[in-house]
Amino acid sequence: MALLGRIARSTEVYLVGVLLVLSVVLFLLNPKFATLENIFDVLRNNSFLGIVALGELVVLISGGIDVSFTAIATVAQYVMGVLITRYAIESVFLAFLIPIPIGIALGAFNAFLVNRTRVHPVIITISNLNVFYGLLMVISKGKWIYGFLHLSGISPA
């Protein structure tokens, strides 16, 4: 019974309750909110956040913390975007495989620095967040990437 009491007092239970209340209010205000189409749209539009959160979860479970994961993901995505547009890569599977070694390499660089310098991981990863974003801005000159609609099956107009 004590376990059930601790679970009932946990922050997560309150967050789920707030989410359910908010969902009911939104459904009452707009009946299209709870449609299957809208649920899939929300899941599809936020799938990137879920994937990034799973990666950070692995770091947190192992007892560390990585603040630079957003910069690592952005750098990996940018390199993927450049490669698929420059070499007209049509395979979605190959496009997904491109950022994986980049993320592993940048994460390993963070791990190497934490291990060798014995500086707290928050300091290393905050520093590298700025380094990775800064290098990306210098290399990309802040330009957006266009022209990889062919992977989604949409032909450019």
N, C-alpha and C. Protein backbone atom coordinates (compact mmCIF):
# COMPACT_ATOMS: atom_id res chain seq x y z
N MET A 1 0.82 -1.20 0.00
CA MET A 1 0.00 0.00 0.00
C MET A 1 0.86 1.27 0.00
N ALA A 2 2.03 1.18 0.65
CA ALA A 2 2.92 2.33 0.69
C ALA A 2 3.42 2.69 -0.70
N LEU A 3 3.68 1.66 -1.52
CA LEU A 3 4.13 1.89 -2.90
C LEU A 3 3.06 2.63 -3.69
N LEU A 4 1.81 2.22 -3.54
CA LEU A 4 0.71 2.88 -4.25
C LEU A 4 0.58 4.33 -3.80
N GLY A 5 0.80 4.60 -2.53
CA GLY A 5 0.74 5.97 -2.02
C GLY A 5 1.84 6.83 -2.59
N ARG A 6 3.06 6.25 -2.70
CA ARG A 6 4.18 7.00 -3.28
C ARG A 6 3.93 7.29 -4.75
N ILE A 7 3.37 6.32 -5.46
CA ILE A 7 3.07 6.53 -6.88
C ILE A 7 2.02 7.63 -7.04
N ALA A 8 1.01 7.60 -6.20
CA ALA A 8 -0.07 8.60 -6.29
C ALA A 8 0.44 10.01 -6.01
N ARG A 9 1.50 10.15 -5.20
CA ARG A 9 2.04 11.46 -4.88
C ARG A 9 3.15 11.90 -5.83
N SER A 10 3.47 11.08 -6.81
CA SER A 10 4.58 11.41 -7.70
C SER A 10 4.19 12.52 -8.68
N THR A 11 5.19 13.24 -9.12
CA THR A 11 5.00 14.33 -10.06
C THR A 11 4.41 13.84 -11.37
N GLU A 12 4.83 12.65 -11.79
CA GLU A 12 4.36 12.12 -13.08
C GLU A 12 2.85 11.92 -13.09
N VAL A 13 2.29 11.46 -11.96
CA VAL A 13 0.84 11.26 -11.89
C VAL A 13 0.12 12.59 -12.06
N TYR A 14 0.63 13.64 -11.42
CA TYR A 14 0.03 14.96 -11.57
C TYR A 14 0.15 15.46 -13.01
N LEU A 15 1.28 15.20 -13.65
CA LEU A 15 1.45 15.63 -15.04
C LEU A 15 0.47 14.90 -15.97
N VAL A 16 0.28 13.60 -15.75
CA VAL A 16 -0.69 12.85 -16.55
C VAL A 16 -2.10 13.40 -16.31
N GLY A 17 -2.40 13.73 -15.05
CA GLY A 17 -3.71 14.32 -14.74
C GLY A 17 -3.93 15.64 -15.44
N VAL A 18 -2.92 16.51 -15.43
CA VAL A 18 -3.01 17.80 -16.13
C VAL A 18 -3.19 17.57 -17.63
N LEU A 19 -2.45 16.61 -18.18
CA LEU A 19 -2.58 16.30 -19.61
C LEU A 19 -3.99 15.81 -19.95
N LEU A 20 -4.56 14.96 -19.11
CA LEU A 20 -5.92 14.47 -19.35
C LEU A 20 -6.95 15.60 -19.25
N VAL A 21 -6.82 16.45 -18.24
CA VAL A 21 -7.75 17.58 -18.08
C VAL A 21 -7.64 18.51 -19.28
N LEU A 22 -6.41 18.81 -19.69
CA LEU A 22 -6.20 19.68 -20.84
C LEU A 22 -6.80 19.06 -22.11
N SER A 23 -6.64 17.76 -22.27
CA SER A 23 -7.20 17.08 -23.44
C SER A 23 -8.72 17.15 -23.44
N VAL A 24 -9.35 16.97 -22.30
CA VAL A 24 -10.81 17.04 -22.22
C VAL A 24 -11.28 18.46 -22.53
N VAL A 25 -10.61 19.46 -21.99
CA VAL A 25 -10.98 20.86 -22.25
C VAL A 25 -10.85 21.16 -23.74
N LEU A 26 -9.72 20.73 -24.34
CA LEU A 26 -9.54 20.99 -25.78
C LEU A 26 -10.58 20.26 -26.62
N PHE A 27 -10.96 19.05 -26.21
CA PHE A 27 -11.99 18.32 -26.93
C PHE A 27 -13.34 19.03 -26.82
N LEU A 28 -13.63 19.57 -25.64
CA LEU A 28 -14.90 20.29 -25.48
C LEU A 28 -14.93 21.57 -26.29
N LEU A 29 -13.78 22.23 -26.42
CA LEU A 29 -13.71 23.45 -27.21
C LEU A 29 -13.70 23.17 -28.71
N ASN A 30 -13.11 22.04 -29.10
CA ASN A 30 -13.01 21.69 -30.52
C ASN A 30 -13.13 20.18 -30.66
N PRO A 31 -14.28 19.69 -31.07
CA PRO A 31 -14.48 18.23 -31.17
C PRO A 31 -13.52 17.53 -32.13
N LYS A 32 -12.89 18.26 -33.04
CA LYS A 32 -11.94 17.64 -33.96
C LYS A 32 -10.61 17.31 -33.27
N PHE A 33 -10.43 17.80 -32.04
CA PHE A 33 -9.17 17.58 -31.33
C PHE A 33 -8.92 16.10 -31.08
N ALA A 34 -9.93 15.35 -30.70
CA ALA A 34 -9.75 13.96 -30.31
C ALA A 34 -9.92 12.99 -31.48
N THR A 35 -9.85 13.48 -32.69
CA THR A 35 -9.98 12.58 -33.84
C THR A 35 -8.67 11.82 -34.05
N LEU A 36 -8.79 10.67 -34.67
CA LEU A 36 -7.61 9.84 -34.95
C LEU A 36 -6.64 10.57 -35.86
N GLU A 37 -7.17 11.32 -36.81
CA GLU A 37 -6.31 12.08 -37.72
C GLU A 37 -5.46 13.10 -36.97
N ASN A 38 -6.07 13.82 -36.04
CA ASN A 38 -5.33 14.81 -35.27
C ASN A 38 -4.29 14.15 -34.36
N ILE A 39 -4.65 13.04 -33.76
CA ILE A 39 -3.69 12.33 -32.89
C ILE A 39 -2.48 11.90 -33.70
N PHE A 40 -2.70 11.37 -34.90
CA PHE A 40 -1.57 10.97 -35.75
C PHE A 40 -0.75 12.18 -36.20
N ASP A 41 -1.42 13.29 -36.47
CA ASP A 41 -0.69 14.51 -36.83
C ASP A 41 0.21 14.97 -35.70
N VAL A 42 -0.31 14.97 -34.49
CA VAL A 42 0.49 15.37 -33.32
C VAL A 42 1.67 14.43 -33.14
N LEU A 43 1.43 13.13 -33.25
CA LEU A 43 2.52 12.16 -33.10
C LEU A 43 3.56 12.32 -34.21
N ARG A 44 3.11 12.51 -35.44
CA ARG A 44 4.04 12.66 -36.56
C ARG A 44 4.87 13.94 -36.42
N ASN A 45 4.23 15.02 -36.02
CA ASN A 45 4.93 16.30 -35.91
C ASN A 45 5.89 16.35 -34.73
N ASN A 46 5.70 15.50 -33.75
CA ASN A 46 6.56 15.50 -32.57
C ASN A 46 7.43 14.26 -32.47
N SER A 47 7.48 13.47 -33.53
CA SER A 47 8.27 12.24 -33.48
C SER A 47 9.75 12.53 -33.28
N PHE A 48 10.25 13.62 -33.85
CA PHE A 48 11.66 13.98 -33.67
C PHE A 48 11.98 14.18 -32.20
N LEU A 49 11.10 14.87 -31.48
CA LEU A 49 11.34 15.11 -30.06
C LEU A 49 11.37 13.79 -29.28
N GLY A 50 10.51 12.86 -29.66
CA GLY A 50 10.51 11.55 -29.01
C GLY A 50 11.80 10.80 -29.24
N ILE A 51 12.31 10.86 -30.45
CA ILE A 51 13.56 10.17 -30.78
C ILE A 51 14.71 10.79 -30.00
N VAL A 52 14.78 12.11 -29.97
CA VAL A 52 15.83 12.80 -29.22
C VAL A 52 15.70 12.50 -27.73
N ALA A 53 14.47 12.46 -27.22
CA ALA A 53 14.26 12.16 -25.80
C ALA A 53 14.72 10.75 -25.45
N LEU A 54 14.51 9.80 -26.36
CA LEU A 54 14.99 8.44 -26.10
C LEU A 54 16.51 8.40 -26.03
N GLY A 55 17.18 9.16 -26.88
CA GLY A 55 18.64 9.23 -26.83
C GLY A 55 19.12 9.83 -25.52
N GLU A 56 18.46 10.88 -25.06
CA GLU A 56 18.84 11.50 -23.79
C GLU A 56 18.52 10.59 -22.62
N LEU A 57 17.45 9.80 -22.75
CA LEU A 57 17.09 8.85 -21.70
C LEU A 57 18.21 7.85 -21.45
N VAL A 58 18.84 7.38 -22.52
CA VAL A 58 19.96 6.44 -22.37
C VAL A 58 21.08 7.09 -21.57
N VAL A 59 21.37 8.35 -21.86
CA VAL A 59 22.42 9.07 -21.13
C VAL A 59 22.04 9.22 -19.66
N LEU A 60 20.80 9.58 -19.39
CA LEU A 60 20.37 9.78 -18.00
C LEU A 60 20.36 8.47 -17.23
N ILE A 61 19.94 7.38 -17.85
CA ILE A 61 19.93 6.08 -17.19
C ILE A 61 21.34 5.65 -16.82
N SER A 62 22.31 5.98 -17.66
CA SER A 62 23.69 5.60 -17.38
C SER A 62 24.33 6.49 -16.32
N GLY A 63 23.59 7.48 -15.82
CA GLY A 63 24.08 8.31 -14.73
C GLY A 63 24.73 9.61 -15.18
N GLY A 64 24.66 9.92 -16.44
CA GLY A 64 25.27 11.15 -16.94
C GLY A 64 24.23 12.18 -17.30
N ILE A 65 24.70 13.23 -17.91
CA ILE A 65 23.80 14.26 -18.44
C ILE A 65 24.48 14.86 -19.67
N ASP A 66 23.70 15.10 -20.70
CA ASP A 66 24.24 15.66 -21.93
C ASP A 66 23.34 16.81 -22.36
N VAL A 67 23.86 18.02 -22.23
CA VAL A 67 23.10 19.20 -22.60
C VAL A 67 23.26 19.49 -24.09
N SER A 68 24.29 18.92 -24.72
CA SER A 68 24.60 19.24 -26.12
C SER A 68 23.87 18.35 -27.12
N PHE A 69 22.95 17.50 -26.65
CA PHE A 69 22.32 16.56 -27.58
C PHE A 69 21.54 17.26 -28.69
N THR A 70 20.99 18.44 -28.42
CA THR A 70 20.27 19.15 -29.48
C THR A 70 21.23 19.64 -30.55
N ALA A 71 22.40 20.11 -30.15
CA ALA A 71 23.40 20.55 -31.12
C ALA A 71 23.92 19.37 -31.93
N ILE A 72 24.15 18.25 -31.26
CA ILE A 72 24.62 17.05 -31.96
C ILE A 72 23.59 16.61 -32.99
N ALA A 73 22.32 16.59 -32.59
CA ALA A 73 21.26 16.19 -33.53
C ALA A 73 21.17 17.17 -34.69
N THR A 74 21.32 18.45 -34.43
CA THR A 74 21.24 19.45 -35.49
C THR A 74 22.40 19.31 -36.47
N VAL A 75 23.61 19.13 -35.95
CA VAL A 75 24.77 18.93 -36.82
C VAL A 75 24.58 17.68 -37.68
N ALA A 76 24.15 16.59 -37.05
CA ALA A 76 23.95 15.34 -37.79
C ALA A 76 22.88 15.49 -38.87
N GLN A 77 21.80 16.20 -38.55
CA GLN A 77 20.75 16.42 -39.54
C GLN A 77 21.23 17.31 -40.67
N TYR A 78 22.02 18.31 -40.34
CA TYR A 78 22.52 19.20 -41.38
C TYR A 78 23.41 18.44 -42.36
N VAL A 79 24.32 17.64 -41.82
CA VAL A 79 25.21 16.84 -42.68
C VAL A 79 24.37 15.90 -43.55
N MET A 80 23.35 15.28 -42.95
CA MET A 80 22.47 14.39 -43.72
C MET A 80 21.78 15.17 -44.83
N GLY A 81 21.27 16.36 -44.51
CA GLY A 81 20.59 17.17 -45.52
C GLY A 81 21.51 17.57 -46.66
N VAL A 82 22.74 17.95 -46.32
CA VAL A 82 23.71 18.32 -47.36
C VAL A 82 24.00 17.12 -48.26
N LEU A 83 24.23 15.96 -47.64
CA LEU A 83 24.58 14.78 -48.44
C LEU A 83 23.43 14.30 -49.32
N ILE A 84 22.21 14.30 -48.79
CA ILE A 84 21.11 13.80 -49.63
C ILE A 84 20.75 14.77 -50.74
N THR A 85 21.00 16.07 -50.54
CA THR A 85 20.72 17.00 -51.64
C THR A 85 21.86 17.03 -52.64
N ARG A 86 23.10 16.97 -52.17
CA ARG A 86 24.25 17.03 -53.07
C ARG A 86 24.36 15.77 -53.93
N TYR A 87 24.10 14.61 -53.35
CA TYR A 87 24.28 13.35 -54.07
C TYR A 87 22.95 12.72 -54.47
N ALA A 88 21.85 13.44 -54.34
CA ALA A 88 20.52 12.99 -54.75
C ALA A 88 20.22 11.60 -54.21
N ILE A 89 20.41 11.41 -52.93
CA ILE A 89 20.13 10.12 -52.30
C ILE A 89 18.63 9.94 -52.22
N GLU A 90 18.15 8.86 -52.77
CA GLU A 90 16.71 8.60 -52.83
C GLU A 90 16.24 7.68 -51.70
N SER A 91 17.15 6.95 -51.08
CA SER A 91 16.79 5.94 -50.09
C SER A 91 16.58 6.58 -48.71
N VAL A 92 15.38 6.41 -48.18
CA VAL A 92 15.09 6.92 -46.85
C VAL A 92 15.93 6.18 -45.82
N PHE A 93 16.11 4.87 -46.03
CA PHE A 93 16.93 4.07 -45.12
C PHE A 93 18.35 4.60 -45.05
N LEU A 94 18.94 4.89 -46.20
CA LEU A 94 20.30 5.44 -46.24
C LEU A 94 20.34 6.83 -45.60
N ALA A 95 19.30 7.61 -45.83
CA ALA A 95 19.24 8.95 -45.23
C ALA A 95 19.21 8.85 -43.70
N PHE A 96 18.54 7.83 -43.17
CA PHE A 96 18.52 7.63 -41.72
C PHE A 96 19.87 7.14 -41.20
N LEU A 97 20.60 6.42 -42.01
CA LEU A 97 21.89 5.89 -41.57
C LEU A 97 23.00 6.94 -41.53
N ILE A 98 22.85 8.01 -42.27
CA ILE A 98 23.90 9.04 -42.34
C ILE A 98 24.16 9.72 -40.99
N PRO A 99 23.14 10.19 -40.26
CA PRO A 99 23.44 10.94 -39.04
C PRO A 99 23.89 10.09 -37.85
N ILE A 100 23.68 8.78 -37.91
CA ILE A 100 24.00 7.93 -36.76
C ILE A 100 25.49 7.97 -36.41
N PRO A 101 26.41 7.72 -37.35
CA PRO A 101 27.83 7.78 -36.97
C PRO A 101 28.28 9.18 -36.56
N ILE A 102 27.65 10.21 -37.10
CA ILE A 102 28.00 11.58 -36.72
C ILE A 102 27.62 11.81 -35.26
N GLY A 103 26.42 11.40 -34.88
CA GLY A 103 25.99 11.54 -33.49
C GLY A 103 26.85 10.72 -32.54
N ILE A 104 27.21 9.51 -32.96
CA ILE A 104 28.07 8.67 -32.13
C ILE A 104 29.44 9.33 -31.96
N ALA A 105 29.99 9.87 -33.04
CA ALA A 105 31.31 10.49 -32.97
C ALA A 105 31.31 11.72 -32.07
N LEU A 106 30.31 12.58 -32.21
CA LEU A 106 30.26 13.79 -31.38
C LEU A 106 29.98 13.45 -29.92
N GLY A 107 29.13 12.45 -29.69
CA GLY A 107 28.88 12.00 -28.32
C GLY A 107 30.12 11.36 -27.71
N ALA A 108 30.86 10.61 -28.52
CA ALA A 108 32.11 10.00 -28.03
C ALA A 108 33.14 11.08 -27.72
N PHE A 109 33.15 12.15 -28.50
CA PHE A 109 34.04 13.27 -28.21
C PHE A 109 33.71 13.88 -26.84
N ASN A 110 32.43 14.07 -26.57
CA ASN A 110 32.02 14.56 -25.24
C ASN A 110 32.47 13.59 -24.15
N ALA A 111 32.24 12.30 -24.36
CA ALA A 111 32.61 11.29 -23.37
C ALA A 111 34.12 11.29 -23.14
N PHE A 112 34.89 11.43 -24.21
CA PHE A 112 36.34 11.47 -24.09
C PHE A 112 36.77 12.65 -23.23
N LEU A 113 36.20 13.82 -23.50
CA LEU A 113 36.55 15.01 -22.73
C LEU A 113 36.17 14.87 -21.25
N VAL A 114 34.99 14.32 -20.99
CA VAL A 114 34.56 14.13 -19.61
C VAL A 114 35.48 13.15 -18.90
N ASN A 115 35.83 12.07 -19.59
CA ASN A 115 36.68 11.03 -19.00
C ASN A 115 38.10 11.52 -18.75
N ARG A 116 38.68 12.23 -19.69
CA ARG A 116 40.08 12.66 -19.59
C ARG A 116 40.28 13.87 -18.69
N THR A 117 39.34 14.81 -18.74
CA THR A 117 39.54 16.05 -17.99
C THR A 117 38.96 15.98 -16.59
N ARG A 118 38.05 15.05 -16.35
CA ARG A 118 37.37 14.91 -15.06
C ARG A 118 36.56 16.17 -14.69
N VAL A 119 36.20 16.94 -15.72
CA VAL A 119 35.33 18.09 -15.53
C VAL A 119 33.89 17.57 -15.55
N HIS A 120 33.01 18.21 -14.80
CA HIS A 120 31.63 17.75 -14.72
C HIS A 120 31.00 17.73 -16.12
N PRO A 121 30.22 16.69 -16.42
CA PRO A 121 29.61 16.57 -17.76
C PRO A 121 28.76 17.76 -18.18
N VAL A 122 28.12 18.44 -17.24
CA VAL A 122 27.30 19.60 -17.61
C VAL A 122 28.18 20.69 -18.22
N ILE A 123 29.34 20.92 -17.63
CA ILE A 123 30.25 21.96 -18.13
C ILE A 123 30.74 21.59 -19.53
N ILE A 124 31.18 20.35 -19.70
CA ILE A 124 31.68 19.89 -21.01
C ILE A 124 30.60 19.98 -22.07
N THR A 125 29.39 19.48 -21.76
CA THR A 125 28.35 19.42 -22.79
C THR A 125 27.77 20.80 -23.10
N ILE A 126 27.70 21.69 -22.11
CA ILE A 126 27.26 23.05 -22.41
C ILE A 126 28.29 23.74 -23.31
N SER A 127 29.56 23.53 -22.99
CA SER A 127 30.62 24.11 -23.83
C SER A 127 30.54 23.59 -25.25
N ASN A 128 30.41 22.27 -25.38
CA ASN A 128 30.36 21.68 -26.71
C ASN A 128 29.07 22.00 -27.45
N LEU A 129 28.00 22.25 -26.73
CA LEU A 129 26.77 22.72 -27.38
C LEU A 129 27.07 23.99 -28.16
N ASN A 130 27.77 24.92 -27.53
CA ASN A 130 28.12 26.18 -28.19
C ASN A 130 29.15 25.96 -29.29
N VAL A 131 30.10 25.08 -29.07
CA VAL A 131 31.12 24.78 -30.09
C VAL A 131 30.44 24.17 -31.32
N PHE A 132 29.61 23.16 -31.11
CA PHE A 132 28.96 22.48 -32.24
C PHE A 132 28.05 23.42 -33.01
N TYR A 133 27.22 24.19 -32.30
CA TYR A 133 26.36 25.15 -32.99
C TYR A 133 27.19 26.22 -33.70
N GLY A 134 28.23 26.68 -33.05
CA GLY A 134 29.09 27.71 -33.66
C GLY A 134 29.76 27.21 -34.92
N LEU A 135 30.33 26.00 -34.86
CA LEU A 135 30.95 25.44 -36.07
C LEU A 135 29.93 25.23 -37.18
N LEU A 136 28.74 24.79 -36.82
CA LEU A 136 27.69 24.61 -37.82
C LEU A 136 27.34 25.93 -38.48
N MET A 137 27.25 26.99 -37.70
CA MET A 137 26.92 28.30 -38.27
C MET A 137 28.05 28.81 -39.17
N VAL A 138 29.30 28.56 -38.79
CA VAL A 138 30.43 28.98 -39.62
C VAL A 138 30.45 28.18 -40.92
N ILE A 139 30.30 26.86 -40.82
CA ILE A 139 30.37 26.00 -42.00
C ILE A 139 29.19 26.24 -42.94
N SER A 140 27.98 26.35 -42.36
CA SER A 140 26.78 26.49 -43.19
C SER A 140 26.51 27.94 -43.60
N LYS A 141 27.20 28.87 -42.96
CA LYS A 141 26.96 30.30 -43.17
C LYS A 141 25.50 30.66 -42.89
N GLY A 142 24.86 29.86 -42.05
CA GLY A 142 23.48 30.11 -41.66
C GLY A 142 22.45 29.85 -42.74
N LYS A 143 22.84 29.15 -43.81
CA LYS A 143 21.92 28.90 -44.92
C LYS A 143 21.06 27.67 -44.64
N TRP A 144 19.81 27.75 -45.06
CA TRP A 144 18.89 26.63 -44.96
C TRP A 144 19.14 25.68 -46.13
N ILE A 145 18.74 24.44 -45.94
CA ILE A 145 18.87 23.44 -47.00
C ILE A 145 17.49 23.21 -47.62
N TYR A 146 17.45 23.23 -48.94
CA TYR A 146 16.20 22.97 -49.65
C TYR A 146 16.46 21.86 -50.67
N GLY A 147 15.40 21.25 -51.15
CA GLY A 147 15.52 20.36 -52.29
C GLY A 147 15.55 18.89 -51.97
N PHE A 148 15.09 18.47 -50.79
CA PHE A 148 15.03 17.04 -50.56
C PHE A 148 13.60 16.57 -50.33
N LEU A 149 12.69 17.16 -51.08
CA LEU A 149 11.29 16.73 -51.03
C LEU A 149 11.09 15.36 -51.66
N HIS A 150 12.03 14.93 -52.51
CA HIS A 150 11.87 13.65 -53.20
C HIS A 150 11.82 12.48 -52.23
N LEU A 151 12.37 12.63 -51.03
CA LEU A 151 12.31 11.56 -50.05
C LEU A 151 10.91 11.36 -49.49
N SER A 152 10.11 12.40 -49.49
CA SER A 152 8.76 12.31 -48.96
C SER A 152 7.75 11.88 -50.02
N GLY A 153 8.21 11.70 -51.24
CA GLY A 153 7.31 11.32 -52.33
C GLY A 153 6.63 12.52 -52.95
N ILE A 154 6.97 13.72 -52.51
CA ILE A 154 6.39 14.94 -53.07
C ILE A 154 7.35 15.47 -54.12
N SER A 155 6.86 15.67 -55.31
CA SER A 155 7.74 16.21 -56.34
C SER A 155 7.78 17.72 -56.21
N PRO A 156 8.98 18.31 -56.32
CA PRO A 156 9.08 19.77 -56.22
C PRO A 156 8.33 20.44 -57.37
N ALA A 157 7.71 21.56 -57.06
CA ALA A 157 6.90 22.27 -58.07
C ALA A 157 7.77 23.02 -59.05
